[in-house]
Amino acid sequence: MPTSYARYLQASYFYFIIMATFYAQPTKTPHFTNVVGNIYYASQGYIQLQWNAERIHLSDLQAFYEQALTLLDSTSCRKILSEHGQRQPLAAAAQHWLAHEWIPRAMKQVRVEYCAIVDGSNPMHRLSTQTVITDAPAEFVFKRFTTIGEAEAWLSSLPN
C-alpha cells in the first residue's frame, strides 16, 4: 500500500508541476492592427506594441497610439513593451507628437509610467527613438533592450 500511495503522490506532484507551468505561461491577446503594427495585451500586466517595417503616416501612428491608450485604460496597465524590430525611423513630426503630446497625455489619463524598448537594427531608427526618449517628460521611464526576454523580465520586476 505505501508503494501505490507513493506513486500517487509522485504522479500528483508531476501533474501539479505541468499544470502550474502551463498556466504560468504568459499569454498575449490581440487588441488592434493597422499598417503601423499590432497591439497586444500581455497577461504579465503590460501592453505590447509590435511594429511593422513599412514607412508610416502620422495619422496611422496616431490611430495606433490612440488604440494603445484605450487598451492601457481598459486594462489598468501602466507599462508598455515596444518591440521595434525592423521599424523605420519616425519622422520629426511623429517624434514630436509622441514626446510632447501622447506621452504626457497617457501619463495624465492612465498613469502610464514605464516603457521597455526592444531596439531595431536600423541605426537611424535608434536615433529617432533616442530623440523621443530625450524629449519626453523625465518622469516617464524608458529602458532599452536587445531582446524581448530582457524587456519582459524588467517589466515584470516593476510594480503594477
C-alpha atoms as a PDB file:
ATOM      1  CA  MET A   1       0.000   0.000   0.000  1.00  0.00           C
ATOM      2  CA  PRO A   2       2.758   2.548   0.731  1.00  0.00           C
ATOM      3  CA  THR A   3       4.176   1.942  -2.757  1.00  0.00           C
ATOM      4  CA  SER A   4       0.945   2.766  -4.594  1.00  0.00           C
ATOM      5  CA  TYR A   5       0.395   5.779  -2.346  1.00  0.00           C
ATOM      6  CA  ALA A   6       3.933   6.979  -3.086  1.00  0.00           C
ATOM      7  CA  ARG A   7       3.263   6.590  -6.826  1.00  0.00           C
ATOM      8  CA  TYR A   8       0.026   8.502  -6.427  1.00  0.00           C
ATOM      9  CA  LEU A   9       1.845  11.356  -4.667  1.00  0.00           C
ATOM     10  CA  GLN A  10       4.581  11.366  -7.299  1.00  0.00           C
ATOM     11  CA  ALA A  11       2.036  11.440 -10.153  1.00  0.00           C
ATOM     12  CA  SER A  12       0.082  14.194  -8.395  1.00  0.00           C
ATOM     13  CA  TYR A  13       3.264  16.215  -7.954  1.00  0.00           C
ATOM     14  CA  PHE A  14       4.180  15.934 -11.650  1.00  0.00           C
ATOM     15  CA  TYR A  15       0.620  16.808 -12.665  1.00  0.00           C
ATOM     16  CA  PHE A  16       0.784  19.889 -10.438  1.00  0.00           C
ATOM     17  CA  ILE A  17       4.127  20.968 -11.957  1.00  0.00           C
ATOM     18  CA  ILE A  18       2.856  20.515 -15.514  1.00  0.00           C
ATOM     19  CA  MET A  19      -0.355  22.435 -14.842  1.00  0.00           C
ATOM     20  CA  ALA A  20       1.446  25.204 -12.973  1.00  0.00           C
ATOM     21  CA  THR A  21       3.894  25.575 -15.852  1.00  0.00           C
ATOM     22  CA  PHE A  22       1.081  25.599 -18.407  1.00  0.00           C
ATOM     23  CA  TYR A  23      -0.948  28.222 -16.590  1.00  0.00           C
ATOM     24  CA  ALA A  24       2.083  30.337 -15.763  1.00  0.00           C
ATOM     25  CA  GLN A  25       2.878  30.798 -19.456  1.00  0.00           C
ATOM     26  CA  PRO A  26       2.278  34.392 -20.447  1.00  0.00           C
ATOM     27  CA  THR A  27      -0.494  34.987 -22.929  1.00  0.00           C
ATOM     28  CA  LYS A  28      -0.860  37.811 -25.404  1.00  0.00           C
ATOM     29  CA  THR A  29      -4.312  38.863 -26.514  1.00  0.00           C
ATOM     30  CA  PRO A  30      -4.568  40.800 -29.796  1.00  0.00           C
ATOM     31  CA  HIS A  31      -6.230  44.201 -29.497  1.00  0.00           C
ATOM     32  CA  PHE A  32      -5.555  46.229 -32.667  1.00  0.00           C
ATOM     33  CA  THR A  33      -3.759  46.023 -36.002  1.00  0.00           C
ATOM     34  CA  ASN A  34      -3.028  48.610 -38.667  1.00  0.00           C
ATOM     35  CA  VAL A  35      -0.185  49.486 -41.060  1.00  0.00           C
ATOM     36  CA  VAL A  36       1.941  50.580 -38.079  1.00  0.00           C
ATOM     37  CA  GLY A  37       1.801  47.181 -36.365  1.00  0.00           C
ATOM     38  CA  ASN A  38      -0.025  45.150 -33.746  1.00  0.00           C
ATOM     39  CA  ILE A  39      -1.060  45.928 -30.186  1.00  0.00           C
ATOM     40  CA  TYR A  40      -1.438  43.133 -27.632  1.00  0.00           C
ATOM     41  CA  TYR A  41      -2.444  42.854 -24.007  1.00  0.00           C
ATOM     42  CA  ALA A  42       0.131  40.703 -22.199  1.00  0.00           C
ATOM     43  CA  SER A  43      -1.103  38.739 -19.178  1.00  0.00           C
ATOM     44  CA  GLN A  44       2.009  39.805 -17.248  1.00  0.00           C
ATOM     45  CA  GLY A  45       0.470  43.271 -16.888  1.00  0.00           C
ATOM     46  CA  TYR A  46       1.680  45.342 -19.825  1.00  0.00           C
ATOM     47  CA  ILE A  47       0.706  46.124 -23.390  1.00  0.00           C
ATOM     48  CA  GLN A  48       2.981  45.208 -26.271  1.00  0.00           C
ATOM     49  CA  LEU A  49       3.455  47.272 -29.406  1.00  0.00           C
ATOM     50  CA  GLN A  50       4.843  45.185 -32.254  1.00  0.00           C
ATOM     51  CA  TRP A  51       5.970  47.379 -35.150  1.00  0.00           C
ATOM     52  CA  ASN A  52       5.875  46.632 -38.880  1.00  0.00           C
ATOM     53  CA  ALA A  53       8.711  47.574 -41.235  1.00  0.00           C
ATOM     54  CA  GLU A  54       6.687  49.866 -43.545  1.00  0.00           C
ATOM     55  CA  ARG A  55       7.015  53.623 -43.612  1.00  0.00           C
ATOM     56  CA  ILE A  56       4.013  55.174 -41.914  1.00  0.00           C
ATOM     57  CA  HIS A  57       1.964  58.363 -41.975  1.00  0.00           C
ATOM     58  CA  LEU A  58       1.447  60.438 -38.863  1.00  0.00           C
ATOM     59  CA  SER A  59      -2.307  59.756 -38.928  1.00  0.00           C
ATOM     60  CA  ASP A  60      -1.680  55.985 -38.856  1.00  0.00           C
ATOM     61  CA  LEU A  61       0.744  56.387 -35.954  1.00  0.00           C
ATOM     62  CA  GLN A  62      -1.774  58.500 -34.069  1.00  0.00           C
ATOM     63  CA  ALA A  63      -4.541  55.921 -34.604  1.00  0.00           C
ATOM     64  CA  PHE A  64      -2.160  53.201 -33.384  1.00  0.00           C
ATOM     65  CA  TYR A  65      -1.287  55.087 -30.214  1.00  0.00           C
ATOM     66  CA  GLU A  66      -4.894  56.065 -29.518  1.00  0.00           C
ATOM     67  CA  GLN A  67      -5.710  52.348 -29.526  1.00  0.00           C
ATOM     68  CA  ALA A  68      -2.755  51.752 -27.195  1.00  0.00           C
ATOM     69  CA  LEU A  69      -4.179  54.395 -24.846  1.00  0.00           C
ATOM     70  CA  THR A  70      -7.603  52.735 -24.968  1.00  0.00           C
ATOM     71  CA  LEU A  71      -6.055  49.371 -24.061  1.00  0.00           C
ATOM     72  CA  LEU A  72      -3.959  50.870 -21.256  1.00  0.00           C
ATOM     73  CA  ASP A  73      -7.116  52.429 -19.833  1.00  0.00           C
ATOM     74  CA  SER A  74      -9.312  49.339 -20.111  1.00  0.00           C
ATOM     75  CA  THR A  75      -6.693  47.038 -18.546  1.00  0.00           C
ATOM     76  CA  SER A  76      -5.270  49.479 -15.965  1.00  0.00           C
ATOM     77  CA  CYS A  77      -1.776  48.662 -17.260  1.00  0.00           C
ATOM     78  CA  ARG A  78       0.982  51.161 -16.531  1.00  0.00           C
ATOM     79  CA  LYS A  79       3.688  49.516 -18.637  1.00  0.00           C
ATOM     80  CA  ILE A  80       4.487  49.247 -22.350  1.00  0.00           C
ATOM     81  CA  LEU A  81       6.787  46.907 -24.248  1.00  0.00           C
ATOM     82  CA  SER A  82       7.618  48.423 -27.642  1.00  0.00           C
ATOM     83  CA  GLU A  83       9.160  45.854 -29.967  1.00  0.00           C
ATOM     84  CA  HIS A  84      10.715  47.897 -32.765  1.00  0.00           C
ATOM     85  CA  GLY A  85      12.080  45.080 -34.938  1.00  0.00           C
ATOM     86  CA  GLN A  86      12.568  46.461 -38.442  1.00  0.00           C
ATOM     87  CA  ARG A  87      10.653  49.700 -37.770  1.00  0.00           C
ATOM     88  CA  GLN A  88      11.603  52.605 -39.989  1.00  0.00           C
ATOM     89  CA  PRO A  89      12.796  55.847 -38.379  1.00  0.00           C
ATOM     90  CA  LEU A  90       9.943  58.088 -37.254  1.00  0.00           C
ATOM     91  CA  ALA A  91       9.516  61.447 -38.965  1.00  0.00           C
ATOM     92  CA  ALA A  92      10.243  64.541 -36.887  1.00  0.00           C
ATOM     93  CA  ALA A  93       6.521  65.370 -36.623  1.00  0.00           C
ATOM     94  CA  ALA A  94       5.806  61.868 -35.259  1.00  0.00           C
ATOM     95  CA  GLN A  95       8.658  62.114 -32.769  1.00  0.00           C
ATOM     96  CA  HIS A  96       7.353  65.483 -31.576  1.00  0.00           C
ATOM     97  CA  TRP A  97       3.753  64.243 -31.293  1.00  0.00           C
ATOM     98  CA  LEU A  98       4.811  61.226 -29.219  1.00  0.00           C
ATOM     99  CA  ALA A  99       7.142  63.091 -26.869  1.00  0.00           C
ATOM    100  CA  HIS A 100       5.119  66.273 -26.392  1.00  0.00           C
ATOM    101  CA  GLU A 101       1.506  65.180 -26.813  1.00  0.00           C
ATOM    102  CA  TRP A 102       0.808  61.463 -26.480  1.00  0.00           C
ATOM    103  CA  ILE A 103       3.211  60.526 -23.660  1.00  0.00           C
ATOM    104  CA  PRO A 104       2.211  63.440 -21.379  1.00  0.00           C
ATOM    105  CA  ARG A 105      -1.482  62.723 -22.057  1.00  0.00           C
ATOM    106  CA  ALA A 106      -1.028  58.992 -21.370  1.00  0.00           C
ATOM    107  CA  MET A 107       0.792  59.804 -18.137  1.00  0.00           C
ATOM    108  CA  LYS A 108      -2.080  62.034 -17.031  1.00  0.00           C
ATOM    109  CA  GLN A 109      -5.035  59.954 -18.279  1.00  0.00           C
ATOM    110  CA  VAL A 110      -3.942  56.412 -17.439  1.00  0.00           C
ATOM    111  CA  ARG A 111      -0.840  56.971 -15.284  1.00  0.00           C
ATOM    112  CA  VAL A 112       1.425  55.003 -17.626  1.00  0.00           C
ATOM    113  CA  GLU A 113       4.966  55.059 -16.227  1.00  0.00           C
ATOM    114  CA  TYR A 114       7.293  52.610 -17.973  1.00  0.00           C
ATOM    115  CA  CYS A 115       8.313  51.692 -21.490  1.00  0.00           C
ATOM    116  CA  ALA A 116      10.677  48.847 -22.347  1.00  0.00           C
ATOM    117  CA  ILE A 117      12.035  49.266 -25.865  1.00  0.00           C
ATOM    118  CA  VAL A 118      13.456  46.351 -27.819  1.00  0.00           C
ATOM    119  CA  ASP A 119      15.635  48.185 -30.306  1.00  0.00           C
ATOM    120  CA  GLY A 120      15.587  47.537 -34.013  1.00  0.00           C
ATOM    121  CA  SER A 121      18.705  47.110 -36.108  1.00  0.00           C
ATOM    122  CA  ASN A 122      18.446  50.333 -38.158  1.00  0.00           C
ATOM    123  CA  PRO A 123      20.843  52.984 -36.719  1.00  0.00           C
ATOM    124  CA  MET A 124      18.631  55.824 -37.974  1.00  0.00           C
ATOM    125  CA  HIS A 125      15.676  54.246 -36.214  1.00  0.00           C
ATOM    126  CA  ARG A 126      17.648  54.105 -32.971  1.00  0.00           C
ATOM    127  CA  LEU A 127      18.435  57.830 -33.331  1.00  0.00           C
ATOM    128  CA  SER A 128      14.762  58.722 -33.813  1.00  0.00           C
ATOM    129  CA  THR A 129      13.910  56.611 -30.771  1.00  0.00           C
ATOM    130  CA  GLN A 130      16.537  58.445 -28.724  1.00  0.00           C
ATOM    131  CA  THR A 131      15.003  61.785 -29.725  1.00  0.00           C
ATOM    132  CA  VAL A 132      11.622  60.681 -28.329  1.00  0.00           C
ATOM    133  CA  ILE A 133      13.273  59.442 -25.122  1.00  0.00           C
ATOM    134  CA  THR A 134      15.196  62.694 -24.673  1.00  0.00           C
ATOM    135  CA  ASP A 135      12.205  64.940 -25.385  1.00  0.00           C
ATOM    136  CA  ALA A 136       9.615  63.011 -23.338  1.00  0.00           C
ATOM    137  CA  PRO A 137       8.833  64.024 -19.733  1.00  0.00           C
ATOM    138  CA  ALA A 138      11.604  62.928 -17.378  1.00  0.00           C
ATOM    139  CA  GLU A 139       9.106  61.082 -15.133  1.00  0.00           C
ATOM    140  CA  PHE A 140       8.362  58.606 -17.928  1.00  0.00           C
ATOM    141  CA  VAL A 141      10.888  55.780 -17.548  1.00  0.00           C
ATOM    142  CA  PHE A 142      12.336  54.244 -20.695  1.00  0.00           C
ATOM    143  CA  LYS A 143      14.747  51.344 -20.777  1.00  0.00           C
ATOM    144  CA  ARG A 144      16.254  49.880 -23.945  1.00  0.00           C
ATOM    145  CA  PHE A 145      16.936  46.187 -24.552  1.00  0.00           C
ATOM    146  CA  THR A 146      18.273  43.916 -27.256  1.00  0.00           C
ATOM    147  CA  THR A 147      15.862  41.021 -26.580  1.00  0.00           C
ATOM    148  CA  ILE A 148      12.195  40.672 -25.717  1.00  0.00           C
ATOM    149  CA  GLY A 149      13.079  38.349 -22.827  1.00  0.00           C
ATOM    150  CA  GLU A 150      15.170  41.038 -21.149  1.00  0.00           C
ATOM    151  CA  ALA A 151      12.419  43.624 -21.642  1.00  0.00           C
ATOM    152  CA  GLU A 152       9.748  41.290 -20.248  1.00  0.00           C
ATOM    153  CA  ALA A 153      11.905  40.480 -17.216  1.00  0.00           C
ATOM    154  CA  TRP A 154      12.410  44.182 -16.467  1.00  0.00           C
ATOM    155  CA  LEU A 155       8.706  44.987 -16.816  1.00  0.00           C
ATOM    156  CA  SER A 156       7.809  42.010 -14.601  1.00  0.00           C
ATOM    157  CA  SER A 157      10.152  43.338 -11.890  1.00  0.00           C
ATOM    158  CA  LEU A 158       8.265  46.646 -11.713  1.00  0.00           C
ATOM    159  CA  PRO A 159       5.190  47.359  -9.579  1.00  0.00           C
ATOM    160  CA  ASN A 160       1.805  47.272 -11.321  1.00  0.00           C
END
